[in-house]
Amino acid sequence: MDMDVTSIGKDLIKKYRKNEIVFQEGSVGYEMYLIVSGKIRITAHANSKNDRIIRVLEPGDFFGEMALVDSSPRSATAISDEKNTKLIEIDQEKFMYLVSQQPAFALVIMEALCRRIRSLTNQIV
């Protein structure tokens, strides 16, 4: 399923090969990403030698926003799970503009963060 990207600047769209790393756990994050096409696998070490798949994201999903919200290192690794995966890259400046000028964008981010916290809480309980 591809999203319509005709109104989005082509300079914002980045293409990735299958198994190409978008960012690594522990790295400093300056961007978040919206999936236009393809899939992204989110993995973490979880104090072990092997990566653990946390989730697989699809078109319309976004990731990487936590580093822009709290300026902490990336908590997971993002890897392209399909060839020719296309992502919209939103840097810190664009992110801050969207949050300040588009309250609906800020709510979408907060809702996603709340869903993730609730999911983790349910796994613990």
N, C-alpha and C. Protein backbone atom coordinates (compact mmCIF):
# COMPACT_ATOMS: atom_id res chain seq x y z
N MET A 1 0.85 -1.18 0.00
CA MET A 1 0.00 0.00 0.00
C MET A 1 0.89 1.24 0.00
N ASP A 2 0.82 2.04 -1.04
CA ASP A 2 1.60 3.27 -1.13
C ASP A 2 0.73 4.46 -0.79
N MET A 3 1.33 5.42 -0.08
CA MET A 3 0.63 6.66 0.23
C MET A 3 0.85 7.63 -0.92
N ASP A 4 -0.09 8.56 -1.12
CA ASP A 4 0.05 9.60 -2.13
C ASP A 4 1.05 10.63 -1.63
N VAL A 5 2.15 10.79 -2.34
CA VAL A 5 3.19 11.71 -1.90
C VAL A 5 3.38 12.86 -2.88
N THR A 6 2.39 13.12 -3.71
CA THR A 6 2.53 14.15 -4.72
C THR A 6 2.68 15.54 -4.12
N SER A 7 2.13 15.78 -2.94
CA SER A 7 2.22 17.10 -2.33
C SER A 7 3.43 17.25 -1.41
N ILE A 8 4.26 16.23 -1.32
CA ILE A 8 5.41 16.25 -0.43
C ILE A 8 6.68 16.47 -1.25
N GLY A 9 7.54 17.34 -0.77
CA GLY A 9 8.80 17.59 -1.46
C GLY A 9 9.62 16.33 -1.59
N LYS A 10 10.14 16.08 -2.80
CA LYS A 10 10.93 14.87 -3.03
C LYS A 10 12.20 14.83 -2.20
N ASP A 11 12.69 16.00 -1.74
CA ASP A 11 13.89 16.03 -0.92
C ASP A 11 13.65 15.46 0.47
N LEU A 12 12.40 15.34 0.87
CA LEU A 12 12.08 14.77 2.18
C LEU A 12 11.98 13.25 2.15
N ILE A 13 11.87 12.67 0.96
CA ILE A 13 11.69 11.23 0.83
C ILE A 13 13.04 10.56 0.64
N LYS A 14 13.31 9.58 1.50
CA LYS A 14 14.56 8.81 1.44
C LYS A 14 14.21 7.37 1.08
N LYS A 15 15.02 6.75 0.22
CA LYS A 15 14.81 5.36 -0.17
C LYS A 15 15.83 4.47 0.52
N TYR A 16 15.37 3.27 0.92
CA TYR A 16 16.23 2.31 1.61
C TYR A 16 16.12 0.94 0.96
N ARG A 17 17.25 0.23 0.91
CA ARG A 17 17.27 -1.15 0.43
C ARG A 17 16.82 -2.09 1.56
N LYS A 18 16.46 -3.30 1.20
CA LYS A 18 16.09 -4.29 2.22
C LYS A 18 17.27 -4.52 3.15
N ASN A 19 16.99 -4.55 4.44
CA ASN A 19 17.96 -4.75 5.53
C ASN A 19 18.92 -3.58 5.72
N GLU A 20 18.63 -2.44 5.13
CA GLU A 20 19.45 -1.25 5.36
C GLU A 20 19.05 -0.60 6.68
N ILE A 21 20.05 -0.24 7.48
CA ILE A 21 19.79 0.38 8.78
C ILE A 21 19.43 1.85 8.60
N VAL A 22 18.30 2.25 9.18
CA VAL A 22 17.88 3.66 9.16
C VAL A 22 18.58 4.39 10.29
N PHE A 23 18.54 3.79 11.49
CA PHE A 23 19.33 4.29 12.62
C PHE A 23 19.57 3.14 13.59
N GLN A 24 20.61 3.30 14.42
CA GLN A 24 20.99 2.25 15.36
C GLN A 24 20.68 2.64 16.80
N GLU A 25 20.35 1.63 17.58
CA GLU A 25 20.14 1.78 19.01
C GLU A 25 21.37 2.46 19.62
N GLY A 26 21.14 3.46 20.46
CA GLY A 26 22.22 4.16 21.13
C GLY A 26 22.74 5.38 20.39
N SER A 27 22.36 5.53 19.12
CA SER A 27 22.82 6.69 18.36
C SER A 27 22.00 7.93 18.72
N VAL A 28 22.55 9.09 18.40
CA VAL A 28 21.85 10.34 18.62
C VAL A 28 20.84 10.51 17.49
N GLY A 29 19.63 10.94 17.83
CA GLY A 29 18.60 11.09 16.81
C GLY A 29 18.25 12.53 16.52
N TYR A 30 18.28 12.86 15.24
CA TYR A 30 17.92 14.21 14.80
C TYR A 30 16.72 14.22 13.87
N GLU A 31 16.16 13.04 13.58
CA GLU A 31 15.03 12.92 12.67
C GLU A 31 14.03 11.90 13.18
N MET A 32 12.80 12.05 12.71
CA MET A 32 11.79 11.01 12.83
C MET A 32 11.38 10.66 11.40
N TYR A 33 10.64 9.58 11.24
CA TYR A 33 10.33 9.09 9.91
C TYR A 33 8.86 8.66 9.82
N LEU A 34 8.29 8.89 8.64
CA LEU A 34 6.95 8.43 8.29
C LEU A 34 7.12 7.47 7.13
N ILE A 35 6.52 6.28 7.24
CA ILE A 35 6.67 5.28 6.19
C ILE A 35 5.69 5.56 5.06
N VAL A 36 6.24 5.75 3.85
CA VAL A 36 5.43 5.97 2.65
C VAL A 36 5.13 4.62 2.00
N SER A 37 6.16 3.79 1.85
CA SER A 37 5.97 2.44 1.29
C SER A 37 7.04 1.53 1.89
N GLY A 38 6.74 0.24 1.87
CA GLY A 38 7.66 -0.74 2.46
C GLY A 38 7.35 -0.97 3.93
N LYS A 39 8.29 -1.59 4.61
CA LYS A 39 8.13 -1.90 6.04
C LYS A 39 9.44 -1.60 6.76
N ILE A 40 9.32 -1.31 8.05
CA ILE A 40 10.46 -1.07 8.91
C ILE A 40 10.38 -2.02 10.11
N ARG A 41 11.49 -2.70 10.37
CA ARG A 41 11.60 -3.61 11.52
C ARG A 41 12.31 -2.85 12.64
N ILE A 42 11.69 -2.80 13.80
CA ILE A 42 12.28 -2.15 14.98
C ILE A 42 12.80 -3.25 15.89
N THR A 43 14.11 -3.19 16.20
CA THR A 43 14.73 -4.21 17.04
C THR A 43 15.49 -3.56 18.19
N ALA A 44 15.74 -4.34 19.23
CA ALA A 44 16.54 -3.87 20.37
C ALA A 44 17.34 -5.04 20.91
N HIS A 45 18.46 -4.72 21.56
CA HIS A 45 19.32 -5.75 22.14
C HIS A 45 18.71 -6.39 23.38
N ALA A 46 18.01 -5.61 24.18
CA ALA A 46 17.36 -6.13 25.39
C ALA A 46 18.34 -6.90 26.27
N ASN A 47 19.53 -6.36 26.46
CA ASN A 47 20.56 -6.96 27.31
C ASN A 47 20.94 -8.38 26.90
N SER A 48 20.89 -8.65 25.61
CA SER A 48 21.31 -9.96 25.12
C SER A 48 22.17 -9.76 23.87
N LYS A 49 22.76 -10.84 23.40
CA LYS A 49 23.60 -10.76 22.21
C LYS A 49 22.77 -10.67 20.94
N ASN A 50 21.56 -11.18 20.97
CA ASN A 50 20.71 -11.20 19.78
C ASN A 50 19.69 -10.07 19.82
N ASP A 51 19.44 -9.50 18.64
CA ASP A 51 18.40 -8.48 18.54
C ASP A 51 17.03 -9.13 18.70
N ARG A 52 16.16 -8.39 19.33
CA ARG A 52 14.77 -8.85 19.53
C ARG A 52 13.87 -7.93 18.71
N ILE A 53 13.00 -8.49 17.88
CA ILE A 53 12.08 -7.67 17.11
C ILE A 53 11.00 -7.13 18.04
N ILE A 54 10.90 -5.82 18.10
CA ILE A 54 9.89 -5.17 18.93
C ILE A 54 8.58 -5.06 18.17
N ARG A 55 8.69 -4.61 16.91
CA ARG A 55 7.50 -4.53 16.06
C ARG A 55 7.93 -4.29 14.62
N VAL A 56 7.00 -4.53 13.69
CA VAL A 56 7.20 -4.24 12.28
C VAL A 56 6.18 -3.17 11.90
N LEU A 57 6.69 -2.08 11.33
CA LEU A 57 5.84 -0.94 10.98
C LEU A 57 5.55 -0.93 9.49
N GLU A 58 4.40 -0.39 9.12
CA GLU A 58 3.94 -0.38 7.73
C GLU A 58 3.61 1.03 7.27
N PRO A 59 3.28 1.20 5.98
CA PRO A 59 2.96 2.54 5.48
C PRO A 59 1.92 3.26 6.34
N GLY A 60 2.20 4.52 6.62
CA GLY A 60 1.35 5.33 7.49
C GLY A 60 1.85 5.40 8.92
N ASP A 61 2.67 4.41 9.31
CA ASP A 61 3.25 4.43 10.66
C ASP A 61 4.43 5.39 10.69
N PHE A 62 4.77 5.85 11.89
CA PHE A 62 5.95 6.70 12.05
C PHE A 62 6.79 6.16 13.20
N PHE A 63 8.06 6.57 13.21
CA PHE A 63 8.99 6.09 14.24
C PHE A 63 10.13 7.09 14.38
N GLY A 64 10.85 6.99 15.49
CA GLY A 64 12.00 7.85 15.73
C GLY A 64 11.68 9.15 16.43
N GLU A 65 10.42 9.36 16.74
CA GLU A 65 9.99 10.63 17.36
C GLU A 65 10.47 10.80 18.79
N MET A 66 10.73 9.70 19.49
CA MET A 66 11.13 9.82 20.89
C MET A 66 12.42 10.61 21.04
N ALA A 67 13.37 10.41 20.15
CA ALA A 67 14.64 11.14 20.23
C ALA A 67 14.44 12.63 20.03
N LEU A 68 13.43 13.02 19.26
CA LEU A 68 13.14 14.44 19.06
C LEU A 68 12.41 15.04 20.25
N VAL A 69 11.66 14.22 20.97
CA VAL A 69 10.90 14.71 22.12
C VAL A 69 11.80 14.87 23.34
N ASP A 70 12.64 13.87 23.63
CA ASP A 70 13.43 13.93 24.87
C ASP A 70 14.94 14.04 24.68
N SER A 71 15.40 14.10 23.45
CA SER A 71 16.84 14.26 23.12
C SER A 71 17.72 13.14 23.68
N SER A 72 17.14 12.01 23.99
CA SER A 72 17.92 10.86 24.46
C SER A 72 18.38 10.03 23.27
N PRO A 73 19.40 9.18 23.47
CA PRO A 73 19.83 8.30 22.38
C PRO A 73 18.70 7.37 21.95
N ARG A 74 18.80 6.88 20.73
CA ARG A 74 17.80 5.96 20.19
C ARG A 74 17.68 4.73 21.09
N SER A 75 16.46 4.31 21.36
CA SER A 75 16.22 3.16 22.24
C SER A 75 16.14 1.85 21.46
N ALA A 76 16.17 1.92 20.14
CA ALA A 76 16.08 0.72 19.31
C ALA A 76 16.75 1.00 17.97
N THR A 77 16.87 -0.07 17.18
CA THR A 77 17.41 0.03 15.82
C THR A 77 16.25 -0.09 14.84
N ALA A 78 16.29 0.73 13.77
CA ALA A 78 15.27 0.67 12.72
C ALA A 78 15.94 0.16 11.44
N ILE A 79 15.34 -0.89 10.85
CA ILE A 79 15.92 -1.53 9.67
C ILE A 79 14.83 -1.68 8.61
N SER A 80 15.18 -1.34 7.37
CA SER A 80 14.24 -1.52 6.27
C SER A 80 13.98 -3.02 6.10
N ASP A 81 12.70 -3.38 6.02
CA ASP A 81 12.33 -4.80 5.94
C ASP A 81 11.90 -5.21 4.53
N GLU A 82 11.90 -4.25 3.60
CA GLU A 82 11.55 -4.53 2.21
C GLU A 82 12.43 -3.69 1.29
N LYS A 83 12.65 -4.18 0.07
CA LYS A 83 13.42 -3.38 -0.87
C LYS A 83 12.61 -2.15 -1.28
N ASN A 84 13.32 -1.09 -1.62
CA ASN A 84 12.73 0.17 -2.08
C ASN A 84 11.74 0.76 -1.06
N THR A 85 12.07 0.65 0.22
CA THR A 85 11.25 1.28 1.26
C THR A 85 11.45 2.79 1.18
N LYS A 86 10.35 3.53 1.22
CA LYS A 86 10.41 4.99 1.13
C LYS A 86 9.93 5.60 2.44
N LEU A 87 10.73 6.52 2.96
CA LEU A 87 10.42 7.19 4.22
C LEU A 87 10.47 8.70 4.04
N ILE A 88 9.56 9.39 4.71
CA ILE A 88 9.65 10.84 4.80
C ILE A 88 10.44 11.15 6.05
N GLU A 89 11.50 11.92 5.88
CA GLU A 89 12.38 12.28 6.99
C GLU A 89 11.99 13.67 7.51
N ILE A 90 11.69 13.74 8.80
CA ILE A 90 11.32 15.01 9.43
C ILE A 90 12.39 15.34 10.46
N ASP A 91 13.14 16.41 10.21
CA ASP A 91 14.21 16.78 11.13
C ASP A 91 13.66 17.57 12.33
N GLN A 92 14.54 17.89 13.26
CA GLN A 92 14.16 18.58 14.50
C GLN A 92 13.42 19.90 14.21
N GLU A 93 13.92 20.66 13.27
CA GLU A 93 13.31 21.96 12.96
C GLU A 93 11.89 21.79 12.41
N LYS A 94 11.71 20.86 11.48
CA LYS A 94 10.37 20.61 10.93
C LYS A 94 9.44 20.05 12.00
N PHE A 95 9.99 19.17 12.84
CA PHE A 95 9.21 18.59 13.92
C PHE A 95 8.70 19.68 14.87
N MET A 96 9.58 20.57 15.29
CA MET A 96 9.19 21.64 16.21
C MET A 96 8.16 22.57 15.56
N TYR A 97 8.33 22.84 14.28
CA TYR A 97 7.36 23.66 13.57
C TYR A 97 5.99 22.99 13.57
N LEU A 98 5.96 21.70 13.22
CA LEU A 98 4.69 20.97 13.17
C LEU A 98 4.02 20.91 14.54
N VAL A 99 4.80 20.64 15.58
CA VAL A 99 4.24 20.57 16.93
C VAL A 99 3.67 21.93 17.35
N SER A 100 4.37 23.01 17.03
CA SER A 100 3.91 24.34 17.46
C SER A 100 2.80 24.90 16.59
N GLN A 101 2.76 24.55 15.32
CA GLN A 101 1.79 25.15 14.41
C GLN A 101 0.61 24.24 14.07
N GLN A 102 0.75 22.96 14.33
CA GLN A 102 -0.29 21.99 13.99
C GLN A 102 -0.63 21.13 15.22
N PRO A 103 -1.55 21.61 16.06
CA PRO A 103 -1.88 20.85 17.28
C PRO A 103 -2.30 19.40 17.01
N ALA A 104 -2.91 19.15 15.87
CA ALA A 104 -3.32 17.77 15.56
C ALA A 104 -2.10 16.86 15.41
N PHE A 105 -1.02 17.39 14.85
CA PHE A 105 0.22 16.62 14.73
C PHE A 105 0.75 16.25 16.12
N ALA A 106 0.77 17.24 17.01
CA ALA A 106 1.24 16.99 18.38
C ALA A 106 0.38 15.93 19.06
N LEU A 107 -0.92 15.97 18.85
CA LEU A 107 -1.82 14.97 19.45
C LEU A 107 -1.55 13.58 18.90
N VAL A 108 -1.29 13.47 17.62
CA VAL A 108 -0.98 12.17 17.02
C VAL A 108 0.27 11.58 17.67
N ILE A 109 1.29 12.41 17.86
CA ILE A 109 2.53 11.95 18.50
C ILE A 109 2.24 11.51 19.94
N MET A 110 1.49 12.33 20.70
CA MET A 110 1.19 11.99 22.10
C MET A 110 0.36 10.71 22.19
N GLU A 111 -0.60 10.54 21.30
CA GLU A 111 -1.42 9.33 21.31
C GLU A 111 -0.56 8.09 21.07
N ALA A 112 0.36 8.19 20.11
CA ALA A 112 1.24 7.05 19.82
C ALA A 112 2.12 6.71 21.01
N LEU A 113 2.67 7.73 21.64
CA LEU A 113 3.51 7.50 22.83
C LEU A 113 2.70 6.87 23.95
N CYS A 114 1.47 7.34 24.16
CA CYS A 114 0.61 6.76 25.20
C CYS A 114 0.28 5.31 24.90
N ARG A 115 -0.02 4.98 23.62
CA ARG A 115 -0.30 3.59 23.26
C ARG A 115 0.90 2.69 23.56
N ARG A 116 2.09 3.19 23.26
CA ARG A 116 3.29 2.39 23.52
C ARG A 116 3.52 2.18 25.01
N ILE A 117 3.29 3.21 25.81
CA ILE A 117 3.44 3.08 27.26
C ILE A 117 2.41 2.10 27.81
N ARG A 118 1.17 2.21 27.36
CA ARG A 118 0.12 1.27 27.82
C ARG A 118 0.46 -0.16 27.43
N SER A 119 0.95 -0.34 26.23
CA SER A 119 1.32 -1.69 25.76
C SER A 119 2.44 -2.28 26.64
N LEU A 120 3.45 -1.47 26.93
CA LEU A 120 4.53 -1.94 27.79
C LEU A 120 4.04 -2.23 29.20
N THR A 121 3.16 -1.38 29.71
CA THR A 121 2.59 -1.60 31.05
C THR A 121 1.82 -2.91 31.08
N ASN A 122 1.02 -3.18 30.05
CA ASN A 122 0.26 -4.43 29.98
C ASN A 122 1.17 -5.64 29.91
N GLN A 123 2.31 -5.53 29.22
CA GLN A 123 3.25 -6.63 29.14
C GLN A 123 3.89 -6.92 30.50
N ILE A 124 4.14 -5.86 31.26
CA ILE A 124 4.74 -6.01 32.59
C ILE A 124 3.74 -6.63 33.54
N VAL A 125 2.51 -6.17 33.51
CA VAL A 125 1.45 -6.66 34.41
C VAL A 125 1.05 -8.03 33.96
